[in-house]
C-alpha atoms as a PDB file:
ATOM      1  CA  UNK A   1     261.581 131.318  60.555  1.00  0.00           C
ATOM      2  CA  UNK A   2     261.179 130.789  56.846  1.00  0.00           C
ATOM      3  CA  UNK A   3     257.532 129.812  57.341  1.00  0.00           C
ATOM      4  CA  UNK A   4     256.824 133.086  59.201  1.00  0.00           C
ATOM      5  CA  UNK A   5     258.562 135.202  56.564  1.00  0.00           C
ATOM      6  CA  UNK A   6     256.762 133.366  53.756  1.00  0.00           C
ATOM      7  CA  UNK A   7     253.299 133.609  55.283  1.00  0.00           C
ATOM      8  CA  UNK A   8     253.557 137.229  56.397  1.00  0.00           C
ATOM      9  CA  UNK A   9     254.241 139.266  53.261  1.00  0.00           C
ATOM     10  CA  UNK A  10     253.401 142.454  55.199  1.00  0.00           C
ATOM     11  CA  UNK A  11     256.577 142.165  57.347  1.00  0.00           C
ATOM     12  CA  UNK A  12     258.879 145.058  56.844  1.00  0.00           C
ATOM     13  CA  UNK A  13     261.521 144.015  59.337  1.00  0.00           C
ATOM     14  CA  UNK A  14     262.274 141.076  61.535  1.00  0.00           C
ATOM     15  CA  UNK A  15     264.336 140.716  64.709  1.00  0.00           C
ATOM     16  CA  UNK A  16     264.850 137.281  66.337  1.00  0.00           C
ATOM     17  CA  UNK A  17     266.781 136.659  69.564  1.00  0.00           C
ATOM     18  CA  UNK A  18     267.928 133.295  70.750  1.00  0.00           C
ATOM     19  CA  UNK A  19     266.598 131.778  74.000  1.00  0.00           C
ATOM     20  CA  UNK A  20     269.608 132.886  75.996  1.00  0.00           C
ATOM     21  CA  UNK A  21     269.449 136.435  74.617  1.00  0.00           C
ATOM     22  CA  UNK A  22     273.026 136.124  73.318  1.00  0.00           C
ATOM     23  CA  UNK A  23     272.376 136.129  69.536  1.00  0.00           C
ATOM     24  CA  UNK A  24     270.219 138.368  67.456  1.00  0.00           C
ATOM     25  CA  UNK A  25     269.127 138.126  63.824  1.00  0.00           C
ATOM     26  CA  UNK A  26     267.944 141.339  62.089  1.00  0.00           C
ATOM     27  CA  UNK A  27     266.485 141.552  58.584  1.00  0.00           C
ATOM     28  CA  UNK A  28     265.136 144.717  56.937  1.00  0.00           C
ATOM     29  CA  UNK A  29     262.617 144.980  54.083  1.00  0.00           C
ATOM     30  CA  UNK A  30     265.310 144.335  51.452  1.00  0.00           C
ATOM     31  CA  UNK A  31     266.709 141.384  53.377  1.00  0.00           C
ATOM     32  CA  UNK A  32     263.218 139.870  53.693  1.00  0.00           C
ATOM     33  CA  UNK A  33     262.566 140.275  49.924  1.00  0.00           C
ATOM     34  CA  UNK A  34     265.906 138.595  49.151  1.00  0.00           C
ATOM     35  CA  UNK A  35     265.125 135.795  51.668  1.00  0.00           C
ATOM     36  CA  UNK A  36     261.727 135.092  50.113  1.00  0.00           C
ATOM     37  CA  UNK A  37     263.223 135.088  46.608  1.00  0.00           C
ATOM     38  CA  UNK A  38     266.039 132.713  47.661  1.00  0.00           C
ATOM     39  CA  UNK A  39     263.613 130.490  49.502  1.00  0.00           C
ATOM     40  CA  UNK A  40     261.334 130.171  46.445  1.00  0.00           C
ATOM     41  CA  UNK A  41     264.307 129.285  44.198  1.00  0.00           C
ATOM     42  CA  UNK A  42     265.706 126.884  46.781  1.00  0.00           C
ATOM     43  CA  UNK A  43     262.447 124.984  47.207  1.00  0.00           C
ATOM     44  CA  UNK A  44     262.574 123.906  43.568  1.00  0.00           C
ATOM     45  CA  UNK A  45     266.250 122.987  43.707  1.00  0.00           C
ATOM     46  CA  UNK A  46     266.052 121.439  47.140  1.00  0.00           C
ATOM     47  CA  UNK A  47     263.362 118.887  46.345  1.00  0.00           C
ATOM     48  CA  UNK A  48     265.417 117.435  43.512  1.00  0.00           C
ATOM     49  CA  UNK A  49     268.674 117.519  45.469  1.00  0.00           C
ATOM     50  CA  UNK A  50     267.261 116.057  48.639  1.00  0.00           C
ATOM     51  CA  UNK A  51     265.795 113.147  46.665  1.00  0.00           C
ATOM     52  CA  UNK A  52     269.220 112.583  44.958  1.00  0.00           C
ATOM     53  CA  UNK A  53     271.524 113.073  47.928  1.00  0.00           C
ATOM     54  CA  UNK A  54     269.111 112.793  50.894  1.00  0.00           C
ATOM     55  CA  UNK A  55     270.543 115.958  52.573  1.00  0.00           C
ATOM     56  CA  UNK A  56     269.558 119.541  53.247  1.00  0.00           C
ATOM     57  CA  UNK A  57     270.659 122.420  50.969  1.00  0.00           C
ATOM     58  CA  UNK A  58     272.603 125.217  52.641  1.00  0.00           C
ATOM     59  CA  UNK A  59     272.944 128.527  50.805  1.00  0.00           C
ATOM     60  CA  UNK A  60     276.356 130.144  50.276  1.00  0.00           C
ATOM     61  CA  UNK A  61     276.969 132.884  52.852  1.00  0.00           C
ATOM     62  CA  UNK A  62     279.653 135.433  53.726  1.00  0.00           C
ATOM     63  CA  UNK A  63     280.477 136.126  57.280  1.00  0.00           C
ATOM     64  CA  UNK A  64     282.148 139.160  58.754  1.00  0.00           C
ATOM     65  CA  UNK A  65     283.692 138.347  62.125  1.00  0.00           C
ATOM     66  CA  UNK A  66     285.273 140.588  64.760  1.00  0.00           C
ATOM     67  CA  UNK A  67     286.880 139.160  67.862  1.00  0.00           C
ATOM     68  CA  UNK A  68     288.515 140.416  71.045  1.00  0.00           C
ATOM     69  CA  UNK A  69     290.176 137.945  73.401  1.00  0.00           C
ATOM     70  CA  UNK A  70     289.332 140.234  76.342  1.00  0.00           C
ATOM     71  CA  UNK A  71     287.069 143.303  76.119  1.00  0.00           C
ATOM     72  CA  UNK A  72     286.802 145.797  78.975  1.00  0.00           C
ATOM     73  CA  UNK A  73     283.653 147.905  78.588  1.00  0.00           C
ATOM     74  CA  UNK A  74     283.240 151.466  79.772  1.00  0.00           C
ATOM     75  CA  UNK A  75     280.656 150.144  82.286  1.00  0.00           C
ATOM     76  CA  UNK A  76     283.405 148.153  83.961  1.00  0.00           C
ATOM     77  CA  UNK A  77     282.287 144.757  82.667  1.00  0.00           C
ATOM     78  CA  UNK A  78     285.028 142.541  81.222  1.00  0.00           C
ATOM     79  CA  UNK A  79     284.034 140.111  78.475  1.00  0.00           C
ATOM     80  CA  UNK A  80     286.296 137.217  77.635  1.00  0.00           C
ATOM     81  CA  UNK A  81     286.460 136.039  74.009  1.00  0.00           C
ATOM     82  CA  UNK A  82     283.848 138.497  72.715  1.00  0.00           C
ATOM     83  CA  UNK A  83     282.861 137.825  69.077  1.00  0.00           C
ATOM     84  CA  UNK A  84     280.541 139.620  66.660  1.00  0.00           C
ATOM     85  CA  UNK A  85     279.513 137.717  63.493  1.00  0.00           C
ATOM     86  CA  UNK A  86     277.382 139.178  60.726  1.00  0.00           C
ATOM     87  CA  UNK A  87     276.103 136.652  58.172  1.00  0.00           C
ATOM     88  CA  UNK A  88     274.771 137.632  54.767  1.00  0.00           C
ATOM     89  CA  UNK A  89     274.027 135.785  51.499  1.00  0.00           C
ATOM     90  CA  UNK A  90     277.048 135.557  49.142  1.00  0.00           C
ATOM     91  CA  UNK A  91     275.000 136.576  46.095  1.00  0.00           C
ATOM     92  CA  UNK A  92     275.366 140.374  45.669  1.00  0.00           C
ATOM     93  CA  UNK A  93     277.305 140.606  48.951  1.00  0.00           C
ATOM     94  CA  UNK A  94     278.324 143.989  50.243  1.00  0.00           C
ATOM     95  CA  UNK A  95     279.460 144.742  53.754  1.00  0.00           C
ATOM     96  CA  UNK A  96     278.036 148.279  53.423  1.00  0.00           C
ATOM     97  CA  UNK A  97     275.599 148.750  56.303  1.00  0.00           C
ATOM     98  CA  UNK A  98     276.977 145.917  58.449  1.00  0.00           C
ATOM     99  CA  UNK A  99     277.965 148.290  61.258  1.00  0.00           C
ATOM    100  CA  UNK A 100     274.490 149.854  61.355  1.00  0.00           C
ATOM    101  CA  UNK A 101     272.862 146.443  61.241  1.00  0.00           C
ATOM    102  CA  UNK A 102     274.858 145.172  64.222  1.00  0.00           C
ATOM    103  CA  UNK A 103     274.333 148.416  66.232  1.00  0.00           C
ATOM    104  CA  UNK A 104     270.543 148.258  65.530  1.00  0.00           C
ATOM    105  CA  UNK A 105     270.373 144.598  66.509  1.00  0.00           C
ATOM    106  CA  UNK A 106     271.721 145.289  69.956  1.00  0.00           C
ATOM    107  CA  UNK A 107     270.284 148.783  70.523  1.00  0.00           C
ATOM    108  CA  UNK A 108     268.737 149.112  73.975  1.00  0.00           C
ATOM    109  CA  UNK A 109     270.731 146.242  75.402  1.00  0.00           C
ATOM    110  CA  UNK A 110     273.388 148.234  77.235  1.00  0.00           C
ATOM    111  CA  UNK A 111     276.038 145.572  77.858  1.00  0.00           C
ATOM    112  CA  UNK A 112     275.757 143.870  74.440  1.00  0.00           C
ATOM    113  CA  UNK A 113     275.235 147.229  72.653  1.00  0.00           C
ATOM    114  CA  UNK A 114     278.346 148.628  74.315  1.00  0.00           C
ATOM    115  CA  UNK A 115     280.241 145.406  73.322  1.00  0.00           C
ATOM    116  CA  UNK A 116     279.121 145.719  69.689  1.00  0.00           C
ATOM    117  CA  UNK A 117     280.370 149.305  69.481  1.00  0.00           C
ATOM    118  CA  UNK A 118     283.735 148.223  70.899  1.00  0.00           C
ATOM    119  CA  UNK A 119     284.007 145.172  68.598  1.00  0.00           C
ATOM    120  CA  UNK A 120     283.240 147.281  65.503  1.00  0.00           C
ATOM    121  CA  UNK A 121     286.557 148.974  66.177  1.00  0.00           C
ATOM    122  CA  UNK A 122     288.449 145.669  66.026  1.00  0.00           C
ATOM    123  CA  UNK A 123     289.921 144.127  62.872  1.00  0.00           C
ATOM    124  CA  UNK A 124     287.417 142.413  60.592  1.00  0.00           C
ATOM    125  CA  UNK A 125     287.897 138.893  59.258  1.00  0.00           C
ATOM    126  CA  UNK A 126     285.818 137.687  56.301  1.00  0.00           C
ATOM    127  CA  UNK A 127     284.866 134.105  55.637  1.00  0.00           C
ATOM    128  CA  UNK A 128     282.787 132.565  52.909  1.00  0.00           C
ATOM    129  CA  UNK A 129     280.918 129.244  53.247  1.00  0.00           C
ATOM    130  CA  UNK A 130     279.577 127.326  50.246  1.00  0.00           C
ATOM    131  CA  UNK A 131     277.434 124.263  50.299  1.00  0.00           C
ATOM    132  CA  UNK A 132     278.971 121.192  48.737  1.00  0.00           C
END
């Protein structure tokens, strides 16, 4: 993904779905700018660190997670252990816009879109991961 974002400066937004259609990554223009900036900075740091430690560099991220052990949708579908996770860079983190980001990512997919709306009403747990 980083190669595509780097090579195509004209991209204004990006949506990537996994092979099973269960996960979706959405980045707007601001997110793409931040990603390119972080990638450029990481390339310089990563080369030195990989040589020293022979491992990949992982950026610090904050995750917002909402979970429902059992979720009955208005359509009658029941989902077991439904989870919504939103991942953002730790630097300059703000959860403002997370709800809209999640809703947009699953718009048009009635079952998952409905599940996202229901999960956004659940209690939010925050988690921060730092590379070591």
